């Protein structure tokens, strides 16, 4: 597509540069570059995607939307019979008393046994 073809396309669609830019998903300045055929003295090629979009819009195609998906006709899965799980007897653990935080809060030391007075007899 040559620059003059791009401009002709826009005019036959009765679009302003701004409208053409919006329809093609471009910035208005890019539309100007395509119509001029250059940017800062360098040639600008109109990408294939833009050329295809111009053709689609010229033929009355708007934004593509996928067709409505048909509901799958998959067979429902058969329910698997549940295997009974063997019951494990629960061992009861003795309950331990929790220390009262108000009385000293936490760990307490057991009293040391007192040593016996006197000497032990050897026998």
N, C-alpha and C. Protein backbone atom coordinates (compact mmCIF):
# COMPACT_ATOMS: atom_id res chain seq x y z
N UNK A 1 0.86 -1.16 0.00
CA UNK A 1 0.00 0.00 0.00
C UNK A 1 0.91 1.23 0.00
N UNK A 2 0.66 2.09 -0.91
CA UNK A 2 1.43 3.34 -1.01
C UNK A 2 0.77 4.41 -0.15
N UNK A 3 1.51 5.46 0.18
CA UNK A 3 0.94 6.54 1.02
C UNK A 3 -0.35 7.12 0.43
N UNK A 4 -0.37 7.33 -0.88
CA UNK A 4 -1.59 7.91 -1.48
C UNK A 4 -2.76 6.92 -1.42
N UNK A 5 -2.47 5.60 -1.46
CA UNK A 5 -3.53 4.60 -1.31
C UNK A 5 -4.11 4.63 0.11
N UNK A 6 -3.22 4.81 1.06
CA UNK A 6 -3.67 4.87 2.46
C UNK A 6 -4.58 6.08 2.66
N UNK A 7 -4.18 7.22 2.11
CA UNK A 7 -5.00 8.43 2.25
C UNK A 7 -6.33 8.26 1.53
N UNK A 8 -6.29 7.63 0.35
CA UNK A 8 -7.53 7.40 -0.41
C UNK A 8 -8.46 6.49 0.39
N UNK A 9 -7.89 5.45 1.01
CA UNK A 9 -8.71 4.56 1.85
C UNK A 9 -9.40 5.35 2.95
N UNK A 10 -8.65 6.19 3.64
CA UNK A 10 -9.22 6.97 4.75
C UNK A 10 -10.35 7.87 4.26
N UNK A 11 -10.13 8.52 3.14
CA UNK A 11 -11.15 9.45 2.62
C UNK A 11 -12.39 8.72 2.14
N UNK A 12 -12.22 7.54 1.52
CA UNK A 12 -13.40 6.79 1.06
C UNK A 12 -14.21 6.24 2.23
N UNK A 13 -13.54 6.07 3.37
CA UNK A 13 -14.24 5.62 4.58
C UNK A 13 -14.85 6.79 5.34
N UNK A 14 -14.64 8.00 4.84
CA UNK A 14 -15.14 9.22 5.46
C UNK A 14 -14.64 9.35 6.90
N UNK A 15 -13.34 9.13 7.05
CA UNK A 15 -12.73 9.21 8.38
C UNK A 15 -11.73 10.35 8.42
N UNK A 16 -11.70 11.03 9.55
CA UNK A 16 -10.65 12.02 9.78
C UNK A 16 -9.37 11.24 10.16
N UNK A 17 -8.26 11.93 10.21
CA UNK A 17 -7.04 11.25 10.63
C UNK A 17 -7.19 10.69 12.05
N UNK A 18 -7.84 11.46 12.89
CA UNK A 18 -8.04 11.01 14.27
C UNK A 18 -8.93 9.77 14.31
N UNK A 19 -10.02 9.77 13.53
CA UNK A 19 -10.93 8.62 13.50
C UNK A 19 -10.24 7.38 12.91
N UNK A 20 -9.44 7.60 11.87
CA UNK A 20 -8.71 6.49 11.26
C UNK A 20 -7.73 5.90 12.26
N UNK A 21 -7.06 6.77 12.99
CA UNK A 21 -6.11 6.32 14.00
C UNK A 21 -6.82 5.48 15.06
N UNK A 22 -7.97 5.94 15.52
CA UNK A 22 -8.73 5.19 16.53
C UNK A 22 -9.20 3.85 15.99
N UNK A 23 -9.67 3.84 14.73
CA UNK A 23 -10.17 2.61 14.13
C UNK A 23 -9.06 1.59 13.94
N UNK A 24 -7.84 2.06 13.67
CA UNK A 24 -6.71 1.16 13.43
C UNK A 24 -5.87 0.90 14.67
N UNK A 25 -6.18 1.58 15.76
CA UNK A 25 -5.41 1.40 16.99
C UNK A 25 -4.05 2.07 16.92
N UNK A 26 -3.99 3.21 16.22
CA UNK A 26 -2.74 3.95 16.05
C UNK A 26 -2.87 5.34 16.66
N UNK A 27 -1.77 6.04 16.69
CA UNK A 27 -1.79 7.44 17.08
C UNK A 27 -2.01 8.27 15.82
N UNK A 28 -2.62 9.44 15.98
CA UNK A 28 -2.91 10.28 14.83
C UNK A 28 -1.64 10.63 14.07
N UNK A 29 -0.56 10.85 14.77
CA UNK A 29 0.72 11.22 14.13
C UNK A 29 1.22 10.10 13.21
N UNK A 30 0.98 8.84 13.58
CA UNK A 30 1.39 7.71 12.75
C UNK A 30 0.59 7.69 11.46
N UNK A 31 -0.69 8.00 11.54
CA UNK A 31 -1.52 8.10 10.34
C UNK A 31 -0.94 9.17 9.42
N UNK A 32 -0.52 10.28 9.99
CA UNK A 32 0.08 11.34 9.18
C UNK A 32 1.36 10.85 8.50
N UNK A 33 2.18 10.10 9.22
CA UNK A 33 3.41 9.55 8.63
C UNK A 33 3.08 8.62 7.47
N UNK A 34 2.08 7.77 7.64
CA UNK A 34 1.71 6.83 6.59
C UNK A 34 1.21 7.57 5.35
N UNK A 35 0.44 8.63 5.56
CA UNK A 35 -0.09 9.39 4.42
C UNK A 35 1.03 10.16 3.71
N UNK A 36 1.97 10.63 4.46
CA UNK A 36 3.09 11.38 3.88
C UNK A 36 4.12 10.43 3.27
N UNK A 37 4.23 9.23 3.87
CA UNK A 37 5.20 8.25 3.37
C UNK A 37 6.59 8.42 3.95
N UNK A 38 6.75 9.33 4.86
CA UNK A 38 8.06 9.52 5.48
C UNK A 38 7.93 10.11 6.87
N UNK A 39 9.01 9.93 7.62
CA UNK A 39 9.10 10.50 8.96
C UNK A 39 10.53 10.97 9.14
N UNK A 40 10.70 12.22 9.43
CA UNK A 40 12.02 12.83 9.61
C UNK A 40 12.94 12.55 8.42
N UNK A 41 12.37 12.62 7.22
CA UNK A 41 13.16 12.44 6.00
C UNK A 41 13.40 10.98 5.62
N UNK A 42 12.96 10.03 6.44
CA UNK A 42 13.14 8.61 6.12
C UNK A 42 11.82 8.00 5.69
N UNK A 43 11.88 7.06 4.73
CA UNK A 43 10.67 6.42 4.23
C UNK A 43 10.01 5.60 5.33
N UNK A 44 8.69 5.62 5.31
CA UNK A 44 7.91 4.84 6.26
C UNK A 44 7.09 3.84 5.47
N UNK A 45 7.23 2.57 5.82
CA UNK A 45 6.45 1.52 5.17
C UNK A 45 5.23 1.23 6.03
N UNK A 46 4.10 1.08 5.38
CA UNK A 46 2.86 0.77 6.11
C UNK A 46 2.88 -0.73 6.39
N UNK A 47 2.84 -1.12 7.66
CA UNK A 47 2.92 -2.54 8.02
C UNK A 47 1.75 -3.36 7.47
N UNK A 48 2.03 -4.63 7.29
CA UNK A 48 1.00 -5.54 6.75
C UNK A 48 -0.23 -5.57 7.64
N UNK A 49 -0.04 -5.53 8.95
CA UNK A 49 -1.18 -5.58 9.86
C UNK A 49 -2.10 -4.39 9.64
N UNK A 50 -1.51 -3.22 9.37
CA UNK A 50 -2.32 -2.03 9.13
C UNK A 50 -3.03 -2.16 7.78
N UNK A 51 -2.33 -2.67 6.78
CA UNK A 51 -2.95 -2.86 5.47
C UNK A 51 -4.12 -3.82 5.57
N UNK A 52 -3.95 -4.90 6.33
CA UNK A 52 -5.04 -5.87 6.50
C UNK A 52 -6.21 -5.25 7.27
N UNK A 53 -5.89 -4.45 8.27
CA UNK A 53 -6.96 -3.79 9.04
C UNK A 53 -7.73 -2.82 8.15
N UNK A 54 -7.04 -2.12 7.28
CA UNK A 54 -7.72 -1.21 6.34
C UNK A 54 -8.67 -1.99 5.45
N UNK A 55 -8.21 -3.13 4.94
CA UNK A 55 -9.04 -3.96 4.08
C UNK A 55 -10.26 -4.47 4.83
N UNK A 56 -10.05 -4.90 6.08
CA UNK A 56 -11.17 -5.40 6.88
C UNK A 56 -12.21 -4.31 7.12
N UNK A 57 -11.74 -3.13 7.48
CA UNK A 57 -12.68 -2.02 7.74
C UNK A 57 -13.38 -1.60 6.46
N UNK A 58 -12.68 -1.63 5.34
CA UNK A 58 -13.29 -1.26 4.06
C UNK A 58 -14.38 -2.25 3.65
N UNK A 59 -14.26 -3.49 4.11
CA UNK A 59 -15.25 -4.52 3.77
C UNK A 59 -16.31 -4.71 4.85
N UNK A 60 -16.39 -3.76 5.76
CA UNK A 60 -17.45 -3.77 6.75
C UNK A 60 -17.19 -4.65 7.97
N UNK A 61 -15.98 -5.11 8.11
CA UNK A 61 -15.68 -5.93 9.28
C UNK A 61 -15.25 -5.03 10.42
N UNK A 62 -15.91 -5.19 11.52
CA UNK A 62 -15.52 -4.43 12.72
C UNK A 62 -14.54 -5.29 13.49
N UNK A 63 -14.39 -5.00 14.75
CA UNK A 63 -13.47 -5.77 15.58
C UNK A 63 -13.90 -7.23 15.60
N UNK A 64 -12.92 -8.12 15.47
CA UNK A 64 -13.21 -9.54 15.42
C UNK A 64 -13.61 -10.05 16.78
N UNK A 65 -14.67 -10.84 16.78
CA UNK A 65 -15.11 -11.49 18.01
C UNK A 65 -15.24 -12.97 17.71
N UNK A 66 -14.73 -13.81 18.58
CA UNK A 66 -14.83 -15.25 18.32
C UNK A 66 -16.28 -15.69 18.34
N UNK A 67 -16.60 -16.73 17.56
CA UNK A 67 -17.98 -17.22 17.59
C UNK A 67 -18.30 -17.78 18.97
N UNK A 68 -19.59 -17.76 19.27
CA UNK A 68 -20.01 -18.28 20.57
C UNK A 68 -19.62 -19.74 20.66
N UNK A 69 -18.98 -20.09 21.72
CA UNK A 69 -18.52 -21.47 21.91
C UNK A 69 -19.71 -22.37 22.18
N UNK A 70 -19.76 -23.48 21.45
CA UNK A 70 -20.82 -24.46 21.68
C UNK A 70 -20.53 -25.19 22.98
N UNK A 71 -21.58 -25.55 23.64
CA UNK A 71 -21.41 -26.28 24.90
C UNK A 71 -20.85 -27.66 24.59
N UNK A 72 -19.85 -28.09 25.32
CA UNK A 72 -19.27 -29.41 25.04
C UNK A 72 -20.28 -30.50 25.34
N UNK A 73 -20.21 -31.54 24.52
CA UNK A 73 -21.14 -32.65 24.69
C UNK A 73 -20.44 -33.83 25.35
N UNK A 74 -19.55 -33.52 26.26
CA UNK A 74 -18.81 -34.57 26.95
C UNK A 74 -19.74 -35.33 27.88
N UNK A 75 -19.47 -36.63 27.97
CA UNK A 75 -20.27 -37.46 28.86
C UNK A 75 -19.90 -37.16 30.29
N UNK A 76 -20.88 -37.16 31.18
CA UNK A 76 -20.54 -36.93 32.59
C UNK A 76 -19.70 -38.09 33.11
N UNK A 77 -18.77 -37.78 33.96
CA UNK A 77 -17.89 -38.80 34.51
C UNK A 77 -18.66 -39.64 35.52
N UNK A 78 -18.41 -40.95 35.45
CA UNK A 78 -19.05 -41.85 36.40
C UNK A 78 -18.39 -41.65 37.76
N UNK A 79 -19.23 -41.64 38.77
CA UNK A 79 -18.71 -41.45 40.11
C UNK A 79 -17.99 -42.71 40.56
N UNK A 80 -16.80 -42.57 41.08
CA UNK A 80 -16.03 -43.71 41.57
C UNK A 80 -16.55 -44.08 42.95
N UNK A 81 -16.70 -45.38 43.19
CA UNK A 81 -17.15 -45.76 44.54
C UNK A 81 -16.05 -45.44 45.55
N UNK A 82 -16.49 -44.92 46.66
CA UNK A 82 -15.52 -44.54 47.68
C UNK A 82 -15.09 -45.76 48.46
N UNK A 83 -13.80 -45.88 48.67
CA UNK A 83 -13.28 -46.97 49.47
C UNK A 83 -13.37 -46.56 50.94
N UNK A 84 -13.88 -47.48 51.78
CA UNK A 84 -13.93 -47.10 53.20
C UNK A 84 -12.53 -47.03 53.76
N UNK A 85 -12.27 -46.01 54.48
CA UNK A 85 -10.96 -45.83 55.09
C UNK A 85 -10.95 -46.52 56.44
N UNK A 86 -9.90 -47.31 56.69
CA UNK A 86 -9.85 -47.98 58.01
C UNK A 86 -9.66 -46.94 59.10
N UNK A 87 -10.41 -47.14 60.15
CA UNK A 87 -10.33 -46.20 61.25
C UNK A 87 -9.16 -46.57 62.14
N UNK A 88 -8.35 -45.62 62.46
CA UNK A 88 -7.23 -45.84 63.35
C UNK A 88 -7.64 -45.40 64.74
N UNK A 89 -7.39 -46.28 65.73
CA UNK A 89 -7.75 -45.86 67.09
C UNK A 89 -6.82 -44.73 67.52
N UNK A 90 -7.40 -43.75 68.09
CA UNK A 90 -6.62 -42.60 68.54
C UNK A 90 -6.13 -42.86 69.95
N UNK A 91 -4.84 -42.75 70.13
CA UNK A 91 -4.27 -42.93 71.45
C UNK A 91 -4.48 -41.65 72.23
N UNK A 92 -5.01 -41.82 73.41
CA UNK A 92 -5.25 -40.63 74.21
C UNK A 92 -3.98 -40.23 74.93
N UNK A 93 -3.65 -39.00 74.84
CA UNK A 93 -2.48 -38.48 75.52
C UNK A 93 -2.92 -37.87 76.84
N UNK A 94 -2.13 -38.12 77.89
CA UNK A 94 -2.52 -37.51 79.17
C UNK A 94 -2.37 -36.00 79.06
N UNK A 95 -3.31 -35.35 79.63
CA UNK A 95 -3.28 -33.89 79.60
C UNK A 95 -2.33 -33.38 80.67
N UNK A 96 -1.51 -32.45 80.29
CA UNK A 96 -0.59 -31.86 81.26
C UNK A 96 -1.12 -30.51 81.66
N UNK A 97 -0.89 -30.20 82.91
CA UNK A 97 -1.38 -28.92 83.41
C UNK A 97 -0.48 -27.82 82.87
N UNK A 98 -1.08 -26.78 82.44
CA UNK A 98 -0.33 -25.64 81.94
C UNK A 98 0.03 -24.75 83.12
N UNK A 99 1.23 -24.20 83.13
CA UNK A 99 1.62 -23.33 84.25
C UNK A 99 0.77 -22.06 84.27
N UNK A 100 0.51 -21.63 85.46
CA UNK A 100 -0.29 -20.42 85.64
C UNK A 100 0.63 -19.22 85.51
N UNK A 101 0.41 -18.42 84.52
CA UNK A 101 1.27 -17.26 84.28
C UNK A 101 1.19 -16.23 85.41
N UNK A 102 0.11 -16.22 86.12
CA UNK A 102 -0.05 -15.23 87.18
C UNK A 102 0.83 -15.58 88.39
N UNK A 103 1.16 -16.84 88.55
CA UNK A 103 1.94 -17.25 89.71
C UNK A 103 3.44 -17.32 89.44
N UNK A 104 3.90 -16.85 88.41
CA UNK A 104 5.33 -16.90 88.15
C UNK A 104 5.57 -17.19 86.69
N UNK A 105 4.53 -17.47 86.02
CA UNK A 105 4.48 -17.57 84.60
C UNK A 105 5.39 -18.55 83.93
N UNK A 106 5.24 -19.69 83.99
CA UNK A 106 6.01 -20.51 83.10
C UNK A 106 6.77 -21.59 83.81
N UNK A 107 8.06 -21.65 83.55
CA UNK A 107 8.89 -22.75 84.02
C UNK A 107 9.21 -22.56 85.50
N UNK A 108 9.07 -23.67 86.21
CA UNK A 108 9.44 -23.67 87.62
C UNK A 108 10.46 -24.78 87.82
N UNK A 109 11.38 -24.59 88.73
CA UNK A 109 12.40 -25.60 89.00
C UNK A 109 11.92 -26.48 90.14
N UNK A 110 12.20 -27.78 89.98
CA UNK A 110 11.86 -28.71 91.03
C UNK A 110 12.87 -28.55 92.16
N UNK A 111 12.46 -28.69 93.40
CA UNK A 111 13.42 -28.54 94.50
C UNK A 111 14.45 -29.66 94.46
N UNK A 112 15.70 -29.31 94.78
CA UNK A 112 16.76 -30.31 94.81
C UNK A 112 16.64 -31.13 96.06
N UNK A 113 16.92 -32.45 95.94
CA UNK A 113 16.86 -33.26 97.15
C UNK A 113 18.01 -32.88 98.07
N UNK A 114 17.72 -32.85 99.35
CA UNK A 114 18.74 -32.46 100.32
C UNK A 114 19.66 -33.63 100.58
N UNK A 115 20.93 -33.31 100.73
CA UNK A 115 21.91 -34.35 101.01
C UNK A 115 21.74 -34.81 102.46
N UNK A 116 21.94 -36.09 102.69
CA UNK A 116 21.80 -36.65 104.05
C UNK A 116 22.97 -36.22 104.90
N UNK A 117 22.65 -35.91 106.16
CA UNK A 117 23.72 -35.51 107.07
C UNK A 117 24.45 -36.74 107.55
N UNK A 118 25.70 -36.58 107.70
CA UNK A 118 26.50 -37.69 108.20
C UNK A 118 27.11 -38.47 107.04
N UNK A 119 28.01 -39.38 107.42
CA UNK A 119 28.68 -40.16 106.42
C UNK A 119 28.00 -41.51 106.30
N UNK A 120 28.02 -41.95 105.09
CA UNK A 120 27.42 -43.26 104.86
C UNK A 120 28.42 -44.34 105.28
N UNK A 121 27.93 -45.40 105.90
CA UNK A 121 28.81 -46.50 106.35
C UNK A 121 29.07 -47.43 105.19
N UNK A 122 30.33 -47.80 105.11
CA UNK A 122 30.66 -48.75 104.06
C UNK A 122 30.41 -50.15 104.62
N UNK A 123 29.90 -50.99 103.86
CA UNK A 123 29.49 -52.18 104.42
C UNK A 123 29.92 -53.45 104.15
